[in-house]
Amino acid sequence: MPTSTDTPGPVDTRLTSGSLASRAARTGAMTPLGRLGLPSDVAAMVLALTTVPLSPVR
């Protein structure tokens, strides 16, 4: 049975805002998006992974 995973990088949330505030620009610049992720970014990926039929990789 195929499985999917979502492993986001740093995400800007209320929980992480204090710890990431001082280094948000530098950390975000090192990500593929060039910024910190947003909860909506993660939600969109999870939605895509759970609604598209998957086929095994061979």
PDB file of N, CA and C in Angstrom:
ATOM      1  N   MET A   1       0.834  -1.167   0.000  1.00  0.00           N
ATOM      2  CA  MET A   1       0.000   0.000   0.000  1.00  0.00           C
ATOM      3  C   MET A   1       0.887   1.241   0.000  1.00  0.00           C
ATOM      4  N   PRO A   2       0.653   2.168  -0.933  1.00  0.00           N
ATOM      5  CA  PRO A   2       1.472   3.381  -0.976  1.00  0.00           C
ATOM      6  C   PRO A   2       1.207   4.290   0.223  1.00  0.00           C
ATOM      7  N   THR A   3       2.221   4.985   0.614  1.00  0.00           N
ATOM      8  CA  THR A   3       2.081   5.967   1.690  1.00  0.00           C
ATOM      9  C   THR A   3       2.664   7.291   1.233  1.00  0.00           C
ATOM     10  N   SER A   4       2.215   8.344   1.857  1.00  0.00           N
ATOM     11  CA  SER A   4       2.722   9.683   1.549  1.00  0.00           C
ATOM     12  C   SER A   4       3.155  10.343   2.848  1.00  0.00           C
ATOM     13  N   THR A   5       4.153  11.191   2.748  1.00  0.00           N
ATOM     14  CA  THR A   5       4.581  11.947   3.917  1.00  0.00           C
ATOM     15  C   THR A   5       4.701  13.416   3.553  1.00  0.00           C
ATOM     16  N   ASP A   6       4.535  14.233   4.536  1.00  0.00           N
ATOM     17  CA  ASP A   6       4.703  15.674   4.371  1.00  0.00           C
ATOM     18  C   ASP A   6       5.691  16.108   5.443  1.00  0.00           C
ATOM     19  N   THR A   7       6.853  16.534   5.041  1.00  0.00           N
ATOM     20  CA  THR A   7       7.880  16.935   6.003  1.00  0.00           C
ATOM     21  C   THR A   7       8.279  18.376   5.731  1.00  0.00           C
ATOM     22  N   PRO A   8       7.467  19.305   6.219  1.00  0.00           N
ATOM     23  CA  PRO A   8       7.772  20.711   5.956  1.00  0.00           C
ATOM     24  C   PRO A   8       9.015  21.165   6.713  1.00  0.00           C
ATOM     25  N   GLY A   9       9.603  22.190   6.226  1.00  0.00           N
ATOM     26  CA  GLY A   9      10.719  22.812   6.927  1.00  0.00           C
ATOM     27  C   GLY A   9      10.166  23.718   8.011  1.00  0.00           C
ATOM     28  N   PRO A  10      10.871  24.792   8.331  1.00  0.00           N
ATOM     29  CA  PRO A  10      10.394  25.696   9.375  1.00  0.00           C
ATOM     30  C   PRO A  10       9.072  26.349   8.969  1.00  0.00           C
ATOM     31  N   VAL A  11       8.107  26.305   9.875  1.00  0.00           N
ATOM     32  CA  VAL A  11       6.786  26.878   9.624  1.00  0.00           C
ATOM     33  C   VAL A  11       6.528  27.963  10.664  1.00  0.00           C
ATOM     34  N   ASP A  12       6.081  29.110  10.208  1.00  0.00           N
ATOM     35  CA  ASP A  12       5.806  30.244  11.080  1.00  0.00           C
ATOM     36  C   ASP A  12       4.432  30.069  11.730  1.00  0.00           C
ATOM     37  N   THR A  13       4.426  29.684  12.988  1.00  0.00           N
ATOM     38  CA  THR A  13       3.200  29.508  13.754  1.00  0.00           C
ATOM     39  C   THR A  13       3.325  30.270  15.070  1.00  0.00           C
ATOM     40  N   ARG A  14       2.249  30.319  15.828  1.00  0.00           N
ATOM     41  CA  ARG A  14       2.324  30.966  17.142  1.00  0.00           C
ATOM     42  C   ARG A  14       3.344  30.256  18.031  1.00  0.00           C
ATOM     43  N   LEU A  15       3.444  28.962  17.907  1.00  0.00           N
ATOM     44  CA  LEU A  15       4.375  28.195  18.734  1.00  0.00           C
ATOM     45  C   LEU A  15       5.829  28.505  18.400  1.00  0.00           C
ATOM     46  N   THR A  16       6.139  28.699  17.123  1.00  0.00           N
ATOM     47  CA  THR A  16       7.528  28.912  16.710  1.00  0.00           C
ATOM     48  C   THR A  16       7.895  30.382  16.514  1.00  0.00           C
ATOM     49  N   SER A  17       6.929  31.277  16.562  1.00  0.00           N
ATOM     50  CA  SER A  17       7.215  32.679  16.243  1.00  0.00           C
ATOM     51  C   SER A  17       8.279  33.283  17.169  1.00  0.00           C
ATOM     52  N   GLY A  18       8.260  32.941  18.428  1.00  0.00           N
ATOM     53  CA  GLY A  18       9.264  33.488  19.347  1.00  0.00           C
ATOM     54  C   GLY A  18      10.654  32.967  19.063  1.00  0.00           C
ATOM     55  N   SER A  19      10.774  31.673  18.802  1.00  0.00           N
ATOM     56  CA  SER A  19      12.095  31.088  18.590  1.00  0.00           C
ATOM     57  C   SER A  19      12.655  31.403  17.204  1.00  0.00           C
ATOM     58  N   LEU A  20      11.784  31.649  16.236  1.00  0.00           N
ATOM     59  CA  LEU A  20      12.253  31.940  14.878  1.00  0.00           C
ATOM     60  C   LEU A  20      12.358  33.428  14.585  1.00  0.00           C
ATOM     61  N   ALA A  21      11.802  34.264  15.454  1.00  0.00           N
ATOM     62  CA  ALA A  21      11.731  35.702  15.163  1.00  0.00           C
ATOM     63  C   ALA A  21      13.093  36.315  14.867  1.00  0.00           C
ATOM     64  N   SER A  22      14.091  35.978  15.652  1.00  0.00           N
ATOM     65  CA  SER A  22      15.396  36.600  15.476  1.00  0.00           C
ATOM     66  C   SER A  22      16.142  36.100  14.245  1.00  0.00           C
ATOM     67  N   ARG A  23      15.769  34.963  13.764  1.00  0.00           N
ATOM     68  CA  ARG A  23      16.492  34.422  12.598  1.00  0.00           C
ATOM     69  C   ARG A  23      15.571  34.042  11.444  1.00  0.00           C
ATOM     70  N   ALA A  24      14.359  34.590  11.412  1.00  0.00           N
ATOM     71  CA  ALA A  24      13.371  34.226  10.392  1.00  0.00           C
ATOM     72  C   ALA A  24      13.851  34.531   8.973  1.00  0.00           C
ATOM     73  N   ALA A  25      14.420  35.699   8.755  1.00  0.00           N
ATOM     74  CA  ALA A  25      14.855  36.063   7.404  1.00  0.00           C
ATOM     75  C   ALA A  25      15.970  35.150   6.925  1.00  0.00           C
ATOM     76  N   ARG A  26      16.939  34.890   7.786  1.00  0.00           N
ATOM     77  CA  ARG A  26      18.057  34.021   7.403  1.00  0.00           C
ATOM     78  C   ARG A  26      17.581  32.591   7.188  1.00  0.00           C
ATOM     79  N   THR A  27      16.754  32.090   8.092  1.00  0.00           N
ATOM     80  CA  THR A  27      16.251  30.723   7.965  1.00  0.00           C
ATOM     81  C   THR A  27      15.372  30.599   6.732  1.00  0.00           C
ATOM     82  N   GLY A  28      14.487  31.554   6.522  1.00  0.00           N
ATOM     83  CA  GLY A  28      13.606  31.518   5.360  1.00  0.00           C
ATOM     84  C   GLY A  28      14.362  31.562   4.053  1.00  0.00           C
ATOM     85  N   ALA A  29      15.441  32.322   4.006  1.00  0.00           N
ATOM     86  CA  ALA A  29      16.235  32.428   2.779  1.00  0.00           C
ATOM     87  C   ALA A  29      16.874  31.100   2.385  1.00  0.00           C
ATOM     88  N   MET A  30      17.020  30.194   3.334  1.00  0.00           N
ATOM     89  CA  MET A  30      17.640  28.893   3.042  1.00  0.00           C
ATOM     90  C   MET A  30      16.632  27.846   2.584  1.00  0.00           C
ATOM     91  N   THR A  31      15.358  28.190   2.509  1.00  0.00           N
ATOM     92  CA  THR A  31      14.338  27.232   2.098  1.00  0.00           C
ATOM     93  C   THR A  31      14.042  27.390   0.615  1.00  0.00           C
ATOM     94  N   PRO A  32      13.485  26.370  -0.027  1.00  0.00           N
ATOM     95  CA  PRO A  32      13.163  26.482  -1.454  1.00  0.00           C
ATOM     96  C   PRO A  32      12.199  27.629  -1.772  1.00  0.00           C
ATOM     97  N   LEU A  33      11.290  27.957  -0.838  1.00  0.00           N
ATOM     98  CA  LEU A  33      10.363  29.067  -1.074  1.00  0.00           C
ATOM     99  C   LEU A  33      11.016  30.429  -0.838  1.00  0.00           C
ATOM    100  N   GLY A  34      12.155  30.437  -0.171  1.00  0.00           N
ATOM    101  CA  GLY A  34      12.813  31.686   0.163  1.00  0.00           C
ATOM    102  C   GLY A  34      12.175  32.407   1.337  1.00  0.00           C
ATOM    103  N   ARG A  35      11.343  31.704   2.068  1.00  0.00           N
ATOM    104  CA  ARG A  35      10.665  32.263   3.237  1.00  0.00           C
ATOM    105  C   ARG A  35      10.248  31.119   4.140  1.00  0.00           C
ATOM    106  N   LEU A  36       9.830  31.466   5.353  1.00  0.00           N
ATOM    107  CA  LEU A  36       9.289  30.444   6.240  1.00  0.00           C
ATOM    108  C   LEU A  36       7.965  29.955   5.675  1.00  0.00           C
ATOM    109  N   GLY A  37       7.656  28.709   5.933  1.00  0.00           N
ATOM    110  CA  GLY A  37       6.375  28.176   5.512  1.00  0.00           C
ATOM    111  C   GLY A  37       5.248  28.741   6.360  1.00  0.00           C
ATOM    112  N   LEU A  38       4.053  28.639   5.830  1.00  0.00           N
ATOM    113  CA  LEU A  38       2.862  29.063   6.552  1.00  0.00           C
ATOM    114  C   LEU A  38       2.003  27.833   6.815  1.00  0.00           C
ATOM    115  N   PRO A  39       1.191  27.862   7.850  1.00  0.00           N
ATOM    116  CA  PRO A  39       0.296  26.730   8.082  1.00  0.00           C
ATOM    117  C   PRO A  39      -0.560  26.402   6.853  1.00  0.00           C
ATOM    118  N   SER A  40      -0.947  27.411   6.104  1.00  0.00           N
ATOM    119  CA  SER A  40      -1.748  27.160   4.895  1.00  0.00           C
ATOM    120  C   SER A  40      -0.947  26.421   3.832  1.00  0.00           C
ATOM    121  N   ASP A  41       0.374  26.609   3.782  1.00  0.00           N
ATOM    122  CA  ASP A  41       1.221  25.857   2.848  1.00  0.00           C
ATOM    123  C   ASP A  41       1.168  24.367   3.183  1.00  0.00           C
ATOM    124  N   VAL A  42       1.284  24.068   4.465  1.00  0.00           N
ATOM    125  CA  VAL A  42       1.260  22.671   4.904  1.00  0.00           C
ATOM    126  C   VAL A  42      -0.120  22.074   4.650  1.00  0.00           C
ATOM    127  N   ALA A  43      -1.164  22.832   4.956  1.00  0.00           N
ATOM    128  CA  ALA A  43      -2.527  22.343   4.744  1.00  0.00           C
ATOM    129  C   ALA A  43      -2.784  22.037   3.271  1.00  0.00           C
ATOM    130  N   ALA A  44      -2.293  22.890   2.377  1.00  0.00           N
ATOM    131  CA  ALA A  44      -2.477  22.664   0.945  1.00  0.00           C
ATOM    132  C   ALA A  44      -1.768  21.387   0.496  1.00  0.00           C
ATOM    133  N   MET A  45      -0.575  21.136   1.016  1.00  0.00           N
ATOM    134  CA  MET A  45       0.155  19.923   0.645  1.00  0.00           C
ATOM    135  C   MET A  45      -0.556  18.673   1.165  1.00  0.00           C
ATOM    136  N   VAL A  46      -1.005  18.720   2.399  1.00  0.00           N
ATOM    137  CA  VAL A  46      -1.714  17.572   2.967  1.00  0.00           C
ATOM    138  C   VAL A  46      -2.997  17.303   2.191  1.00  0.00           C
ATOM    139  N   LEU A  47      -3.714  18.358   1.843  1.00  0.00           N
ATOM    140  CA  LEU A  47      -4.934  18.195   1.054  1.00  0.00           C
ATOM    141  C   LEU A  47      -4.624  17.548  -0.294  1.00  0.00           C
ATOM    142  N   ALA A  48      -3.572  18.016  -0.949  1.00  0.00           N
ATOM    143  CA  ALA A  48      -3.193  17.441  -2.244  1.00  0.00           C
ATOM    144  C   ALA A  48      -2.811  15.977  -2.112  1.00  0.00           C
ATOM    145  N   LEU A  49      -2.072  15.641  -1.070  1.00  0.00           N
ATOM    146  CA  LEU A  49      -1.640  14.256  -0.887  1.00  0.00           C
ATOM    147  C   LEU A  49      -2.794  13.320  -0.528  1.00  0.00           C
ATOM    148  N   THR A  50      -3.843  13.852   0.058  1.00  0.00           N
ATOM    149  CA  THR A  50      -4.943  12.990   0.484  1.00  0.00           C
ATOM    150  C   THR A  50      -6.086  12.937  -0.514  1.00  0.00           C
ATOM    151  N   THR A  51      -6.049  13.750  -1.558  1.00  0.00           N
ATOM    152  CA  THR A  51      -7.137  13.739  -2.530  1.00  0.00           C
ATOM    153  C   THR A  51      -6.739  13.183  -3.886  1.00  0.00           C
ATOM    154  N   VAL A  52      -5.474  13.098  -4.170  1.00  0.00           N
ATOM    155  CA  VAL A  52      -5.012  12.579  -5.464  1.00  0.00           C
ATOM    156  C   VAL A  52      -4.739  11.090  -5.334  1.00  0.00           C
ATOM    157  N   PRO A  53      -5.328  10.265  -6.194  1.00  0.00           N
ATOM    158  CA  PRO A  53      -5.026   8.829  -6.120  1.00  0.00           C
ATOM    159  C   PRO A  53      -3.529   8.585  -6.376  1.00  0.00           C
ATOM    160  N   LEU A  54      -2.947   7.740  -5.597  1.00  0.00           N
ATOM    161  CA  LEU A  54      -1.527   7.434  -5.716  1.00  0.00           C
ATOM    162  C   LEU A  54      -1.327   6.072  -6.347  1.00  0.00           C
ATOM    163  N   SER A  55      -0.249   5.945  -7.079  1.00  0.00           N
ATOM    164  CA  SER A  55       0.107   4.640  -7.620  1.00  0.00           C
ATOM    165  C   SER A  55       1.504   4.303  -7.154  1.00  0.00           C
ATOM    166  N   PRO A  56       1.800   3.032  -6.985  1.00  0.00           N
ATOM    167  CA  PRO A  56       3.126   2.640  -6.506  1.00  0.00           C
ATOM    168  C   PRO A  56       4.238   3.091  -7.448  1.00  0.00           C
ATOM    169  N   VAL A  57       5.371   3.480  -6.876  1.00  0.00           N
ATOM    170  CA  VAL A  57       6.550   3.827  -7.667  1.00  0.00           C
ATOM    171  C   VAL A  57       7.278   2.528  -7.960  1.00  0.00           C
ATOM    172  N   ARG A  58       7.634   2.340  -9.195  1.00  0.00           N
ATOM    173  CA  ARG A  58       8.319   1.093  -9.580  1.00  0.00           C
ATOM    174  C   ARG A  58       9.664   1.378 -10.156  1.00  0.00           C
TER     175      ARG A  58
END
